[in-house]
Amino acid sequence: MTLDAVSAVMRRYRSTGECLNGAYFWCADLIIIDRPGIPAIVEVVRHLIASGELEGACSLLRGDDLASE
């Protein structure tokens, strides 16, 4: 996706209320947050956990996944 496409999705989320009213966008193994800082990251991760979407946004790394790096 282009940055413009991600931005358009986040604008739509602001109007629909999704993803903390457009505060973040996620797809598999990528989370984009609209503001910097640890508090913003914590807020988004808490929301992903509460909504049950954390597993979709973040893949679980197994021990053998790390050994190949």
Protein backbone atom coordinates (compact mmCIF):
# COMPACT_ATOMS: atom_id res chain seq x y z
CA MET A 1 0.00 0.00 0.00
CA THR A 2 1.13 3.54 -0.62
CA LEU A 3 1.33 6.13 2.14
CA ASP A 4 -1.61 7.92 0.52
CA ALA A 5 -3.69 4.75 0.67
CA VAL A 6 -2.85 4.18 4.34
CA SER A 7 -3.65 7.82 5.08
CA ALA A 8 -7.03 7.48 3.34
CA VAL A 9 -7.86 4.39 5.40
CA MET A 10 -6.92 6.19 8.63
CA ARG A 11 -9.10 9.17 7.65
CA ARG A 12 -12.00 6.79 7.04
CA TYR A 13 -11.38 5.18 10.43
CA ARG A 14 -11.69 8.61 12.06
CA SER A 15 -15.24 8.85 10.76
CA THR A 16 -16.21 5.22 11.47
CA GLY A 17 -14.57 5.00 14.90
CA GLU A 18 -12.41 2.02 13.95
CA CYS A 19 -8.89 1.63 15.34
CA LEU A 20 -9.35 4.18 18.14
CA ASN A 21 -10.95 6.65 15.75
CA GLY A 22 -8.16 6.41 13.21
CA ALA A 23 -5.29 6.54 15.71
CA TYR A 24 -3.66 3.55 14.04
CA PHE A 25 -3.66 1.28 11.02
CA TRP A 26 -2.61 -2.34 10.97
CA CYS A 27 -2.14 -5.16 8.55
CA ALA A 28 -0.22 -8.39 9.13
CA ASP A 29 3.10 -7.59 10.84
CA LEU A 30 2.71 -3.83 10.50
CA ILE A 31 1.19 -1.25 12.84
CA ILE A 32 1.26 2.47 12.00
CA ILE A 33 0.38 4.88 14.81
CA ASP A 34 -0.59 8.49 14.14
CA ARG A 35 1.53 9.98 16.93
CA PRO A 36 4.92 9.17 18.43
CA GLY A 37 5.80 7.96 21.91
CA ILE A 38 5.49 5.06 24.29
CA PRO A 39 2.07 6.15 25.67
CA ALA A 40 0.59 6.03 22.15
CA ILE A 41 2.09 2.59 21.53
CA VAL A 42 0.78 1.26 24.84
CA GLU A 43 -2.70 2.62 24.10
CA VAL A 44 -2.77 0.94 20.69
CA VAL A 45 -1.46 -2.41 21.96
CA ARG A 46 -4.05 -2.39 24.76
CA HIS A 47 -6.76 -1.71 22.19
CA LEU A 48 -5.51 -4.51 19.92
CA ILE A 49 -5.57 -6.91 22.88
CA ALA A 50 -9.05 -5.81 24.00
CA SER A 51 -10.45 -6.07 20.47
CA GLY A 52 -8.88 -9.50 19.88
CA GLU A 53 -6.92 -8.20 16.89
CA LEU A 54 -3.38 -8.48 18.30
CA GLU A 55 -2.77 -11.94 16.82
CA GLY A 56 -3.76 -10.66 13.38
CA ALA A 57 -1.50 -7.64 13.62
CA CYS A 58 1.53 -9.45 15.08
CA SER A 59 2.91 -12.84 14.19
CA LEU A 60 4.22 -15.00 17.01
CA LEU A 61 7.93 -15.68 16.70
CA ARG A 62 9.04 -19.15 17.67
CA GLY A 63 12.56 -19.91 18.88
CA ASP A 64 13.53 -21.48 15.54
CA ASP A 65 12.35 -18.34 13.70
CA LEU A 66 15.01 -16.32 15.50
CA ALA A 67 17.78 -18.85 14.84
CA SER A 68 17.65 -18.22 11.08
CA GLU A 69 18.60 -14.53 11.43
